[in-house]
Structure formats: C-alpha cells, structure tokens
C-alpha cells in the first residue's frame, strides 16, 4: 500500500507514518517543515523501510499538486489527513488571521488533498482516506473555538465525501482521539495553564484526563492499529464515520 501522511514531521503524523512503514508499506511523509520529514524518513530507511520525504503546504493547491504528482501514476492508496495546529484563547481575543490559518490547515487542507487524490483512487478502483480529527470533532472545550470548529467541519466533510465516493471501493472516515501525548498537546498544556492560571499538572488531571473514565492518554499504537483496520478490505463498508478513541469520554 502507498500511504501519504500530512503533518508527519512529529507527533501523531510521524507515529502513523512509522506504523505503516514498519508494517511493510511505502510511506510518503509530508510536512511544511521539510527538515523534519527528511530526518524522519531517513531514520525509517536505516531500518530497511520504504519512506520518502515531501515538503507540503496543505493550504496551497499548487503545493498539493506537486506533491501528488511526485507519487506518479501509482498514486495514493491511503491518504491520512493529519496536519494540525492549535491556538488557545477566548474568541474575543482570538486573532482573525490565526483563526483563518487553523481552518485552512485542518479543514480546507483535507478537502484540497482529498480532491487531488480521489480521481486516481476512482481510476484504480480502490482508496482510503482517513482524517485525523479529535475528541473536539464531537465535543467542545473553552478557548479552542477555531480548532473545535475546524474539527467539527472535518466530520461533515468526511460524511459528504463518503456519500460521493460510495459507488467505488473508496471509504472516508475520521478518527477522533482524546488527548495523545504529543508536542502539540505539550504546548496545549502550557497554554491552558497560562490561560486558566493553574499548574500544568492540574491541566493534565483536571482538564485533559478528567473527562475520560479511563483517565489515560491515548497511545499512537492504538491509532495506528485503527487506521490499519480502516484501510483493510474488512472495513470496506465502514465509511462516513467519526470513530471516537476517547477512553469513554462521550459515553457519559
């Protein structure tokens, strides 16, 4: 399988790229920071994996076109739309340009990438698109208005594309993990501590993990296994879904 992962320079994206590379798939790691994916892909190749690095700005249609064309006629079998960023602030203090950037990266970007790879998937009669959403695709938290809006919108995009591609063996799903301990989450911990005026340990216990009955961060291994299943033939009728990996958060 040929796998393209956005935001693969670190965190969930890097973890998912490594998972698929280690399971014998050819992986294209993409990120706005070329140096990060160059290093990550090189490390995977030293382990005998098939990994390529591509600089990609998911908000730029030209950058997407160049990246997809670089994969050649064989195209993409599995697109993992993972690139993301965060900004924590009350709406009345939220910089409009920052709002626009979050939506561009986490909603418009997946739409543009899906638009670019779907024709090839149709020609080949097979394709999988997995969007990396968030628990905030399903619920809200204060001070994250742009992130929550973009991740909710991603679920709507997923449903629409699933219906549009239902006539071929293409599925589109969103996974919705609660907090995964990544550099992005570490930055959120610091930002939330400052915003709420509390210690970072309190942010972890009282804001992040408190809503989860299992009271534990989600592991990259869990997400890798889930995406691998969604990419399999056994999941060919699972499409248009928002799948929570939330330690029971939304069961309450």
Protein backbone atom coordinates (compact mmCIF):
# COMPACT_ATOMS: atom_id res chain seq x y z
CA UNK A 1 0.00 0.00 0.00
CA UNK A 2 1.16 3.53 -0.79
CA UNK A 3 0.48 5.85 2.14
CA UNK A 4 0.67 9.65 2.25
CA UNK A 5 0.64 11.27 5.69
CA UNK A 6 0.41 15.00 6.28
CA UNK A 7 1.93 16.66 9.32
CA UNK A 8 4.34 13.73 9.56
CA UNK A 9 7.27 15.65 10.99
CA UNK A 10 6.29 14.87 14.57
CA UNK A 11 3.50 13.68 16.85
CA UNK A 12 0.58 11.60 15.56
CA UNK A 13 1.57 12.03 11.91
CA UNK A 14 5.09 10.72 12.50
CA UNK A 15 3.73 7.89 14.63
CA UNK A 16 1.25 6.80 11.94
CA UNK A 17 3.86 7.07 9.19
CA UNK A 18 6.25 4.92 11.22
CA UNK A 19 3.48 2.38 11.92
CA UNK A 20 2.73 1.85 8.23
CA UNK A 21 6.39 1.84 7.22
CA UNK A 22 7.15 -0.78 9.86
CA UNK A 23 4.30 -2.92 8.53
CA UNK A 24 5.87 -3.01 5.07
CA UNK A 25 4.03 -0.20 3.30
CA UNK A 26 5.60 2.55 1.19
CA UNK A 27 5.14 5.82 3.05
CA UNK A 28 5.41 9.45 1.98
CA UNK A 29 5.95 11.70 4.99
CA UNK A 30 4.88 15.25 4.27
CA UNK A 31 5.16 18.41 6.30
CA UNK A 32 5.60 22.14 5.90
CA UNK A 33 8.97 21.73 7.65
CA UNK A 34 10.99 19.71 5.11
CA UNK A 35 13.86 19.17 7.52
CA UNK A 36 11.67 17.29 9.98
CA UNK A 37 10.36 14.78 7.43
CA UNK A 38 13.77 14.40 5.79
CA UNK A 39 15.17 13.31 9.12
CA UNK A 40 12.22 11.05 9.95
CA UNK A 41 12.23 9.36 6.53
CA UNK A 42 15.99 8.85 6.69
CA UNK A 43 15.66 7.20 10.08
CA UNK A 44 13.00 4.83 8.76
CA UNK A 45 15.16 3.95 5.76
CA UNK A 46 18.03 2.96 8.08
CA UNK A 47 15.60 0.36 9.45
CA UNK A 48 15.01 -1.02 5.97
CA UNK A 49 11.68 0.75 5.49
CA UNK A 50 10.36 2.43 2.33
CA UNK A 51 9.97 6.08 3.27
CA UNK A 52 10.08 9.31 1.29
CA UNK A 53 10.03 12.93 2.45
CA UNK A 54 7.99 15.60 0.67
CA UNK A 55 7.62 19.26 1.59
CA UNK A 56 3.92 20.09 1.55
CA UNK A 57 1.82 23.11 2.42
CA UNK A 58 -1.70 21.71 2.77
CA UNK A 59 -3.20 25.18 2.38
CA UNK A 60 -1.68 25.63 -1.10
CA UNK A 61 -3.27 23.94 -4.12
CA UNK A 62 -0.02 24.19 -6.13
CA UNK A 63 2.00 22.56 -3.36
CA UNK A 64 -0.56 19.74 -3.17
CA UNK A 65 -0.46 19.22 -6.93
CA UNK A 66 3.34 18.96 -6.94
CA UNK A 67 3.32 16.52 -4.02
CA UNK A 68 0.67 14.25 -5.55
CA UNK A 69 2.36 14.31 -8.96
CA UNK A 70 5.62 13.25 -7.29
CA UNK A 71 3.99 9.91 -6.44
CA UNK A 72 3.48 9.17 -10.14
CA UNK A 73 0.67 7.22 -11.80
CA UNK A 74 0.55 4.66 -8.99
CA UNK A 75 -0.83 7.44 -6.80
CA UNK A 76 -2.03 7.18 -3.21
CA UNK A 77 -3.86 4.20 -1.74
CA UNK A 78 -4.25 5.66 1.73
CA UNK A 79 -4.35 9.37 2.48
CA UNK A 80 -4.04 10.31 6.14
CA UNK A 81 -5.02 13.95 6.66
CA UNK A 82 -3.29 14.70 9.95
CA UNK A 83 -1.66 18.15 9.73
CA UNK A 84 -2.84 20.40 12.52
CA UNK A 85 -2.07 23.21 14.91
CA UNK A 86 -3.67 24.83 17.91
CA UNK A 87 -4.30 28.26 19.38
CA UNK A 88 -5.85 28.71 22.81
CA UNK A 89 -7.68 31.98 23.53
CA UNK A 90 -11.20 33.29 24.19
CA UNK A 91 -12.96 34.13 20.96
CA UNK A 92 -12.93 37.87 21.65
CA UNK A 93 -9.13 37.70 21.92
CA UNK A 94 -8.62 35.27 19.02
CA UNK A 95 -6.55 36.85 16.21
CA UNK A 96 -8.62 36.61 13.00
CA UNK A 97 -5.58 35.59 10.96
CA UNK A 98 -4.87 32.75 13.38
CA UNK A 99 -8.49 31.58 13.12
CA UNK A 100 -8.20 31.53 9.33
CA UNK A 101 -4.94 29.56 9.48
CA UNK A 102 -6.36 26.83 11.74
CA UNK A 103 -9.37 26.35 9.47
CA UNK A 104 -7.18 26.40 6.35
CA UNK A 105 -4.86 23.70 7.68
CA UNK A 106 -7.40 21.40 9.36
CA UNK A 107 -10.47 21.72 7.14
CA UNK A 108 -9.64 23.25 3.77
CA UNK A 109 -6.37 21.31 3.57
CA UNK A 110 -8.02 17.87 3.87
CA UNK A 111 -10.62 18.94 1.31
CA UNK A 112 -7.96 20.03 -1.19
CA UNK A 113 -5.87 16.89 -0.69
CA UNK A 114 -8.89 14.62 -0.98
CA UNK A 115 -9.87 16.46 -4.16
CA UNK A 116 -6.38 15.81 -5.54
CA UNK A 117 -6.22 12.06 -4.80
CA UNK A 118 -9.82 10.97 -5.36
CA UNK A 119 -9.66 10.90 -9.20
CA UNK A 120 -6.74 8.45 -9.05
CA UNK A 121 -8.48 6.32 -6.46
CA UNK A 122 -11.50 6.13 -8.73
CA UNK A 123 -9.40 5.11 -11.73
CA UNK A 124 -7.71 2.37 -9.73
CA UNK A 125 -10.96 1.27 -8.10
CA UNK A 126 -9.61 1.49 -4.56
CA UNK A 127 -8.78 4.12 -1.97
CA UNK A 128 -8.92 5.00 1.69
CA UNK A 129 -9.00 8.46 3.25
CA UNK A 130 -8.62 8.73 6.99
CA UNK A 131 -8.93 12.16 8.56
CA UNK A 132 -7.36 12.67 11.94
CA UNK A 133 -9.98 14.52 13.87
CA UNK A 134 -10.14 14.85 17.61
CA UNK A 135 -12.42 14.40 20.55
CA UNK A 136 -13.10 18.03 19.66
CA UNK A 137 -14.74 16.81 16.46
CA UNK A 138 -17.52 15.63 18.78
CA UNK A 139 -17.49 17.90 21.84
CA UNK A 140 -16.27 21.39 22.68
CA UNK A 141 -13.84 22.88 25.16
CA UNK A 142 -13.47 26.56 26.01
CA UNK A 143 -10.82 28.74 24.35
CA UNK A 144 -10.45 26.46 21.31
CA UNK A 145 -13.12 27.88 19.03
CA UNK A 146 -11.20 27.64 15.73
CA UNK A 147 -9.87 24.14 16.46
CA UNK A 148 -13.29 22.84 17.51
CA UNK A 149 -15.00 24.46 14.52
CA UNK A 150 -12.45 23.00 12.07
CA UNK A 151 -12.59 19.51 13.60
CA UNK A 152 -16.40 19.51 13.62
CA UNK A 153 -16.31 20.62 10.00
CA UNK A 154 -13.97 17.73 9.20
CA UNK A 155 -16.69 15.28 10.24
CA UNK A 156 -19.12 16.96 7.86
CA UNK A 157 -16.58 16.81 5.06
CA UNK A 158 -16.00 13.12 5.81
CA UNK A 159 -19.68 12.28 5.55
CA UNK A 160 -20.09 14.18 2.31
CA UNK A 161 -17.07 12.57 0.63
CA UNK A 162 -18.16 9.13 1.84
CA UNK A 163 -21.50 9.56 0.07
CA UNK A 164 -19.89 11.00 -3.06
CA UNK A 165 -17.45 8.08 -3.34
CA UNK A 166 -19.83 5.26 -2.38
CA UNK A 167 -20.04 3.96 -5.95
CA UNK A 168 -16.43 2.67 -5.82
CA UNK A 169 -14.26 0.90 -3.24
CA UNK A 170 -13.27 4.15 -1.57
CA UNK A 171 -14.00 4.89 2.07
CA UNK A 172 -13.63 8.10 4.03
CA UNK A 173 -13.58 8.16 7.83
CA UNK A 174 -12.46 10.38 10.68
CA UNK A 175 -10.79 9.08 13.83
CA UNK A 176 -11.48 11.16 16.92
CA UNK A 177 -8.90 10.57 19.63
CA UNK A 178 -8.90 12.21 23.01
CA UNK A 179 -5.56 13.55 24.15
CA UNK A 180 -2.46 11.86 22.72
CA UNK A 181 0.80 12.93 24.39
CA UNK A 182 2.48 14.73 21.51
CA UNK A 183 4.43 18.00 21.18
CA UNK A 184 1.16 19.70 20.18
CA UNK A 185 -0.51 18.52 23.39
CA UNK A 186 2.53 19.53 25.45
CA UNK A 187 2.17 23.04 24.01
CA UNK A 188 -1.54 23.00 24.85
CA UNK A 189 -0.75 22.03 28.43
CA UNK A 190 1.45 25.10 28.82
CA UNK A 191 -1.06 27.38 27.07
CA UNK A 192 -4.01 26.10 29.11
CA UNK A 193 -2.03 26.50 32.32
CA UNK A 194 -1.40 30.13 31.45
CA UNK A 195 -4.97 30.79 30.32
CA UNK A 196 -6.57 29.18 33.39
CA UNK A 197 -3.91 30.34 35.83
CA UNK A 198 -3.19 26.84 37.13
CA UNK A 199 -0.24 24.43 37.20
CA UNK A 200 0.50 22.20 34.23
CA UNK A 201 -0.12 19.08 36.33
CA UNK A 202 -3.61 20.39 37.07
CA UNK A 203 -4.26 20.90 33.35
CA UNK A 204 -3.42 17.24 32.73
CA UNK A 205 -5.50 15.87 35.60
CA UNK A 206 -8.41 18.30 35.75
CA UNK A 207 -8.90 19.40 32.14
CA UNK A 208 -7.42 16.80 29.82
CA UNK A 209 -7.84 13.44 31.54
CA UNK A 210 -10.71 14.17 33.92
CA UNK A 211 -13.44 13.72 31.23
CA UNK A 212 -12.04 10.28 30.34
CA UNK A 213 -13.23 7.45 32.61
CA UNK A 214 -10.04 5.55 31.73
CA UNK A 215 -8.02 8.63 32.77
CA UNK A 216 -5.13 7.92 30.41
CA UNK A 217 -3.61 9.43 27.29
CA UNK A 218 -4.41 7.63 24.01
CA UNK A 219 -1.44 5.76 22.51
CA UNK A 220 -0.10 6.11 18.99
CA UNK A 221 -0.20 2.31 18.76
CA UNK A 222 -3.98 2.39 19.21
CA UNK A 223 -4.39 4.90 16.40
CA UNK A 224 -2.05 3.01 14.09
CA UNK A 225 -4.00 -0.22 14.54
CA UNK A 226 -7.30 1.57 13.98
CA UNK A 227 -6.17 3.27 10.77
CA UNK A 228 -4.69 0.00 9.52
CA UNK A 229 -8.05 -1.69 10.04
CA UNK A 230 -9.90 1.11 8.26
CA UNK A 231 -7.52 0.68 5.32
CA UNK A 232 -8.20 -3.05 5.11
CA UNK A 233 -10.68 -4.88 2.92
CA UNK A 234 -12.54 -5.94 6.07
CA UNK A 235 -13.53 -2.29 6.60
CA UNK A 236 -14.85 -1.71 3.07
CA UNK A 237 -18.34 -0.88 4.37
CA UNK A 238 -17.18 1.39 7.16
CA UNK A 239 -17.38 4.86 5.65
CA UNK A 240 -18.58 8.31 6.66
CA UNK A 241 -17.90 7.55 10.32
CA UNK A 242 -16.46 9.58 13.17
CA UNK A 243 -14.81 6.96 15.36
CA UNK A 244 -14.10 8.02 18.93
CA UNK A 245 -10.98 6.78 20.72
CA UNK A 246 -11.73 8.64 23.89
CA UNK A 247 -11.46 6.43 26.96
CA UNK A 248 -15.22 6.67 27.46
CA UNK A 249 -15.45 10.49 27.27
CA UNK A 250 -18.51 10.59 25.01
CA UNK A 251 -20.19 7.62 26.71
CA UNK A 252 -21.18 9.80 29.66
